[in-house]
Amino acid sequence: MPNEKARKLRQQATDAERRMWSALRDRRLAKYKFRRQHPIGPYIADFACTQFALVVEVDGGQHADSTADSRRTTFLQRQGWLVLRFWNNDVLSNTHGVIETILRALTTR
């Protein structure tokens, strides 16, 4: 069931998610391997580097002050994951800065 939902989410990716995946796929970011729409417990992470337990979430405005996102982040952190969240407009207008932030997080894990 999670795989079906993950597949559907991949097919319905936002422009920001497509841009992020373009930067992370095929080990393009300093050879780090990322998975897209990766199931973790009851949740599906937008992007995950499983080797370094890093989750990258790309969110639209509907996620502002979301209690569901807070519960999700708490769950992931309790499982040992570092969660980085970026707004869609940041990914689209400052892709390089977002990638630098992700890379910095990976090199300090």
N, C-alpha and C. Protein backbone atom coordinates (compact mmCIF):
# COMPACT_ATOMS: atom_id res chain seq x y z
N MET A 1 0.81 -1.20 0.00
CA MET A 1 0.00 0.00 0.00
C MET A 1 0.86 1.28 0.00
N PRO A 2 1.90 1.37 0.87
CA PRO A 2 2.74 2.57 0.82
C PRO A 2 3.42 2.76 -0.53
N ASN A 3 3.78 1.64 -1.18
CA ASN A 3 4.44 1.76 -2.48
C ASN A 3 3.50 2.34 -3.54
N GLU A 4 2.22 1.99 -3.46
CA GLU A 4 1.25 2.55 -4.41
C GLU A 4 1.09 4.05 -4.19
N LYS A 5 1.02 4.45 -2.93
CA LYS A 5 0.90 5.86 -2.62
C LYS A 5 2.16 6.61 -3.05
N ALA A 6 3.32 6.03 -2.80
CA ALA A 6 4.57 6.66 -3.20
C ALA A 6 4.64 6.82 -4.71
N ARG A 7 4.19 5.81 -5.43
CA ARG A 7 4.19 5.87 -6.90
C ARG A 7 3.29 7.00 -7.38
N LYS A 8 2.13 7.11 -6.75
CA LYS A 8 1.18 8.18 -7.12
C LYS A 8 1.78 9.56 -6.83
N LEU A 9 2.44 9.69 -5.69
CA LEU A 9 3.07 10.97 -5.34
C LEU A 9 4.18 11.32 -6.34
N ARG A 10 4.95 10.32 -6.78
CA ARG A 10 5.99 10.58 -7.78
C ARG A 10 5.39 11.09 -9.08
N GLN A 11 4.25 10.52 -9.46
CA GLN A 11 3.60 10.92 -10.71
C GLN A 11 2.99 12.31 -10.61
N GLN A 12 2.66 12.76 -9.40
CA GLN A 12 2.02 14.06 -9.21
C GLN A 12 2.98 15.09 -8.62
N ALA A 13 4.26 14.95 -8.86
CA ALA A 13 5.26 15.84 -8.28
C ALA A 13 5.03 17.29 -8.70
N THR A 14 5.31 18.19 -7.76
CA THR A 14 5.23 19.63 -8.05
C THR A 14 6.47 20.05 -8.83
N ASP A 15 6.45 21.26 -9.38
CA ASP A 15 7.62 21.78 -10.08
C ASP A 15 8.83 21.81 -9.15
N ALA A 16 8.61 22.21 -7.91
CA ALA A 16 9.71 22.27 -6.95
C ALA A 16 10.27 20.88 -6.65
N GLU A 17 9.40 19.90 -6.51
CA GLU A 17 9.86 18.53 -6.27
C GLU A 17 10.63 17.99 -7.48
N ARG A 18 10.17 18.31 -8.68
CA ARG A 18 10.90 17.88 -9.88
C ARG A 18 12.28 18.54 -9.95
N ARG A 19 12.34 19.81 -9.61
CA ARG A 19 13.64 20.52 -9.61
C ARG A 19 14.58 19.89 -8.58
N MET A 20 14.05 19.61 -7.39
CA MET A 20 14.88 19.00 -6.34
C MET A 20 15.36 17.62 -6.76
N TRP A 21 14.47 16.82 -7.33
CA TRP A 21 14.85 15.49 -7.75
C TRP A 21 15.91 15.54 -8.84
N SER A 22 15.81 16.51 -9.71
CA SER A 22 16.82 16.68 -10.76
C SER A 22 18.20 16.91 -10.15
N ALA A 23 18.25 17.61 -9.03
CA ALA A 23 19.53 17.90 -8.38
C ALA A 23 20.04 16.72 -7.55
N LEU A 24 19.14 15.88 -7.04
CA LEU A 24 19.53 14.82 -6.12
C LEU A 24 19.67 13.44 -6.77
N ARG A 25 18.99 13.20 -7.87
CA ARG A 25 18.96 11.86 -8.46
C ARG A 25 20.30 11.43 -9.01
N ASP A 26 20.45 10.13 -9.18
CA ASP A 26 21.66 9.54 -9.79
C ASP A 26 22.95 9.97 -9.10
N ARG A 27 22.87 10.18 -7.78
CA ARG A 27 24.05 10.55 -6.99
C ARG A 27 24.70 11.86 -7.48
N ARG A 28 23.89 12.76 -8.01
CA ARG A 28 24.40 14.03 -8.54
C ARG A 28 24.94 14.96 -7.47
N LEU A 29 24.45 14.81 -6.24
CA LEU A 29 24.92 15.66 -5.16
C LEU A 29 26.06 14.97 -4.43
N ALA A 30 27.27 15.23 -4.88
CA ALA A 30 28.49 14.72 -4.24
C ALA A 30 28.44 13.21 -3.99
N LYS A 31 27.80 12.49 -4.90
CA LYS A 31 27.71 11.02 -4.86
C LYS A 31 26.81 10.47 -3.75
N TYR A 32 26.04 11.33 -3.07
CA TYR A 32 25.09 10.85 -2.06
C TYR A 32 23.87 10.25 -2.77
N LYS A 33 23.42 9.11 -2.29
CA LYS A 33 22.26 8.45 -2.89
C LYS A 33 20.98 8.89 -2.19
N PHE A 34 20.04 9.38 -2.97
CA PHE A 34 18.73 9.78 -2.46
C PHE A 34 17.65 8.91 -3.09
N ARG A 35 16.59 8.72 -2.32
CA ARG A 35 15.39 8.05 -2.82
C ARG A 35 14.26 9.06 -2.81
N ARG A 36 13.39 8.93 -3.75
CA ARG A 36 12.24 9.84 -3.88
C ARG A 36 10.99 9.14 -3.40
N GLN A 37 10.15 9.87 -2.63
CA GLN A 37 8.92 9.33 -2.07
C GLN A 37 9.20 8.00 -1.37
N HIS A 38 10.05 8.09 -0.36
CA HIS A 38 10.54 6.91 0.37
C HIS A 38 9.71 6.67 1.63
N PRO A 39 9.06 5.50 1.74
CA PRO A 39 8.27 5.20 2.94
C PRO A 39 9.16 5.03 4.18
N ILE A 40 8.76 5.69 5.27
CA ILE A 40 9.42 5.54 6.57
C ILE A 40 8.29 5.41 7.60
N GLY A 41 8.14 4.24 8.13
CA GLY A 41 7.01 4.01 9.05
C GLY A 41 5.71 4.32 8.34
N PRO A 42 4.82 5.07 8.99
CA PRO A 42 3.53 5.38 8.37
C PRO A 42 3.60 6.57 7.40
N TYR A 43 4.77 7.14 7.20
CA TYR A 43 4.92 8.35 6.39
C TYR A 43 5.70 8.07 5.11
N ILE A 44 5.60 9.01 4.18
CA ILE A 44 6.39 8.94 2.96
C ILE A 44 7.17 10.24 2.86
N ALA A 45 8.49 10.12 2.89
CA ALA A 45 9.37 11.29 2.81
C ALA A 45 9.51 11.70 1.35
N ASP A 46 9.53 13.00 1.09
CA ASP A 46 9.73 13.47 -0.29
C ASP A 46 11.04 12.92 -0.84
N PHE A 47 12.13 13.12 -0.07
CA PHE A 47 13.45 12.64 -0.47
C PHE A 47 14.17 12.14 0.77
N ALA A 48 14.90 11.04 0.62
CA ALA A 48 15.62 10.48 1.77
C ALA A 48 16.97 9.95 1.34
N CYS A 49 17.97 10.31 2.12
CA CYS A 49 19.30 9.71 1.99
C CYS A 49 19.39 8.73 3.15
N THR A 50 19.11 7.46 2.87
CA THR A 50 19.01 6.47 3.93
C THR A 50 20.34 6.22 4.63
N GLN A 51 21.44 6.30 3.91
CA GLN A 51 22.75 6.05 4.50
C GLN A 51 23.05 7.03 5.62
N PHE A 52 22.60 8.27 5.48
CA PHE A 52 22.89 9.30 6.48
C PHE A 52 21.64 9.76 7.22
N ALA A 53 20.55 9.02 7.08
CA ALA A 53 19.30 9.30 7.79
C ALA A 53 18.90 10.77 7.67
N LEU A 54 18.84 11.24 6.43
CA LEU A 54 18.44 12.62 6.15
C LEU A 54 17.19 12.62 5.29
N VAL A 55 16.19 13.35 5.74
CA VAL A 55 14.94 13.52 4.99
C VAL A 55 14.88 14.96 4.52
N VAL A 56 14.53 15.15 3.25
CA VAL A 56 14.32 16.48 2.69
C VAL A 56 12.86 16.58 2.27
N GLU A 57 12.17 17.55 2.84
CA GLU A 57 10.77 17.79 2.51
C GLU A 57 10.67 19.10 1.73
N VAL A 58 9.89 19.08 0.67
CA VAL A 58 9.64 20.26 -0.16
C VAL A 58 8.16 20.55 -0.05
N ASP A 59 7.82 21.67 0.57
CA ASP A 59 6.44 21.94 0.92
C ASP A 59 5.90 23.21 0.30
N GLY A 60 4.61 23.19 0.02
CA GLY A 60 3.88 24.37 -0.42
C GLY A 60 3.27 25.09 0.77
N GLY A 61 2.62 26.19 0.50
CA GLY A 61 2.04 27.02 1.54
C GLY A 61 1.01 26.33 2.40
N GLN A 62 0.37 25.29 1.89
CA GLN A 62 -0.64 24.58 2.68
C GLN A 62 -0.02 23.89 3.90
N HIS A 63 1.30 23.79 3.94
CA HIS A 63 1.98 23.14 5.05
C HIS A 63 2.36 24.12 6.17
N ALA A 64 2.13 25.40 5.98
CA ALA A 64 2.49 26.39 7.01
C ALA A 64 1.73 26.07 8.29
N ASP A 65 2.47 26.00 9.37
CA ASP A 65 1.89 25.75 10.69
C ASP A 65 1.05 24.47 10.75
N SER A 66 1.47 23.46 10.03
CA SER A 66 0.73 22.19 9.98
C SER A 66 1.07 21.33 11.20
N THR A 67 0.06 20.99 11.99
CA THR A 67 0.30 20.10 13.13
C THR A 67 0.62 18.68 12.65
N ALA A 68 0.07 18.29 11.51
CA ALA A 68 0.39 16.97 10.96
C ALA A 68 1.87 16.89 10.60
N ASP A 69 2.41 17.97 10.01
CA ASP A 69 3.84 17.98 9.68
C ASP A 69 4.69 17.95 10.93
N SER A 70 4.24 18.62 11.99
CA SER A 70 4.98 18.61 13.26
C SER A 70 5.02 17.19 13.84
N ARG A 71 3.90 16.49 13.80
CA ARG A 71 3.87 15.11 14.30
C ARG A 71 4.78 14.22 13.46
N ARG A 72 4.74 14.43 12.18
CA ARG A 72 5.56 13.64 11.26
C ARG A 72 7.04 13.87 11.52
N THR A 73 7.42 15.14 11.67
CA THR A 73 8.83 15.47 11.96
C THR A 73 9.26 14.86 13.27
N THR A 74 8.42 14.95 14.29
CA THR A 74 8.74 14.36 15.60
C THR A 74 8.95 12.86 15.47
N PHE A 75 8.06 12.18 14.75
CA PHE A 75 8.20 10.74 14.54
C PHE A 75 9.53 10.43 13.87
N LEU A 76 9.83 11.12 12.78
CA LEU A 76 11.07 10.86 12.03
C LEU A 76 12.30 11.12 12.89
N GLN A 77 12.28 12.20 13.65
CA GLN A 77 13.42 12.51 14.52
C GLN A 77 13.62 11.43 15.58
N ARG A 78 12.53 10.92 16.12
CA ARG A 78 12.64 9.84 17.12
C ARG A 78 13.20 8.57 16.51
N GLN A 79 13.06 8.41 15.21
CA GLN A 79 13.61 7.27 14.49
C GLN A 79 15.06 7.53 14.08
N GLY A 80 15.60 8.71 14.40
CA GLY A 80 16.99 9.03 14.11
C GLY A 80 17.23 9.82 12.84
N TRP A 81 16.16 10.27 12.20
CA TRP A 81 16.29 11.04 10.96
C TRP A 81 16.45 12.52 11.24
N LEU A 82 17.28 13.18 10.46
CA LEU A 82 17.34 14.64 10.44
C LEU A 82 16.39 15.08 9.34
N VAL A 83 15.50 16.02 9.64
CA VAL A 83 14.50 16.47 8.68
C VAL A 83 14.79 17.92 8.30
N LEU A 84 14.98 18.14 7.00
CA LEU A 84 15.14 19.49 6.47
C LEU A 84 13.90 19.82 5.65
N ARG A 85 13.30 20.99 5.92
CA ARG A 85 12.10 21.41 5.18
C ARG A 85 12.41 22.68 4.41
N PHE A 86 11.97 22.68 3.16
CA PHE A 86 12.15 23.85 2.30
C PHE A 86 10.81 24.18 1.65
N TRP A 87 10.55 25.46 1.50
CA TRP A 87 9.35 25.90 0.79
C TRP A 87 9.56 25.76 -0.71
N ASN A 88 8.50 25.49 -1.43
CA ASN A 88 8.56 25.39 -2.89
C ASN A 88 9.26 26.60 -3.51
N ASN A 89 8.87 27.81 -3.07
CA ASN A 89 9.45 29.01 -3.69
C ASN A 89 10.95 29.11 -3.43
N ASP A 90 11.43 28.60 -2.29
CA ASP A 90 12.88 28.60 -2.04
C ASP A 90 13.59 27.65 -2.99
N VAL A 91 13.00 26.49 -3.20
CA VAL A 91 13.62 25.51 -4.11
C VAL A 91 13.66 26.07 -5.53
N LEU A 92 12.61 26.73 -5.94
CA LEU A 92 12.54 27.26 -7.31
C LEU A 92 13.39 28.51 -7.51
N SER A 93 13.47 29.37 -6.50
CA SER A 93 14.19 30.64 -6.68
C SER A 93 15.62 30.61 -6.16
N ASN A 94 15.95 29.64 -5.31
CA ASN A 94 17.29 29.58 -4.73
C ASN A 94 17.75 28.12 -4.64
N THR A 95 17.68 27.42 -5.75
CA THR A 95 18.03 26.00 -5.78
C THR A 95 19.44 25.77 -5.26
N HIS A 96 20.37 26.60 -5.68
CA HIS A 96 21.77 26.44 -5.25
C HIS A 96 21.89 26.54 -3.73
N GLY A 97 21.24 27.51 -3.14
CA GLY A 97 21.29 27.68 -1.69
C GLY A 97 20.69 26.50 -0.95
N VAL A 98 19.59 25.97 -1.46
CA VAL A 98 18.95 24.80 -0.85
C VAL A 98 19.88 23.60 -0.93
N ILE A 99 20.47 23.39 -2.09
CA ILE A 99 21.40 22.27 -2.27
C ILE A 99 22.61 22.41 -1.34
N GLU A 100 23.11 23.61 -1.20
CA GLU A 100 24.24 23.85 -0.29
C GLU A 100 23.87 23.50 1.15
N THR A 101 22.65 23.83 1.56
CA THR A 101 22.18 23.51 2.91
C THR A 101 22.10 22.01 3.10
N ILE A 102 21.59 21.31 2.11
CA ILE A 102 21.51 19.84 2.19
C ILE A 102 22.91 19.23 2.26
N LEU A 103 23.80 19.71 1.42
CA LEU A 103 25.17 19.19 1.41
C LEU A 103 25.86 19.42 2.75
N ARG A 104 25.67 20.60 3.32
CA ARG A 104 26.26 20.92 4.62
C ARG A 104 25.72 19.96 5.70
N ALA A 105 24.42 19.68 5.66
CA ALA A 105 23.83 18.76 6.62
C ALA A 105 24.41 17.35 6.46
N LEU A 106 24.60 16.92 5.23
CA LEU A 106 25.14 15.59 4.97
C LEU A 106 26.59 15.47 5.45
N THR A 107 27.37 16.49 5.24
CA THR A 107 28.79 16.42 5.61
C THR A 107 29.00 16.52 7.12
N THR A 108 27.98 16.94 7.85
CA THR A 108 28.12 17.02 9.30
C THR A 108 27.40 15.87 10.01
N ARG A 109 26.79 14.96 9.26
CA ARG A 109 26.09 13.82 9.87
C ARG A 109 27.07 12.75 10.27
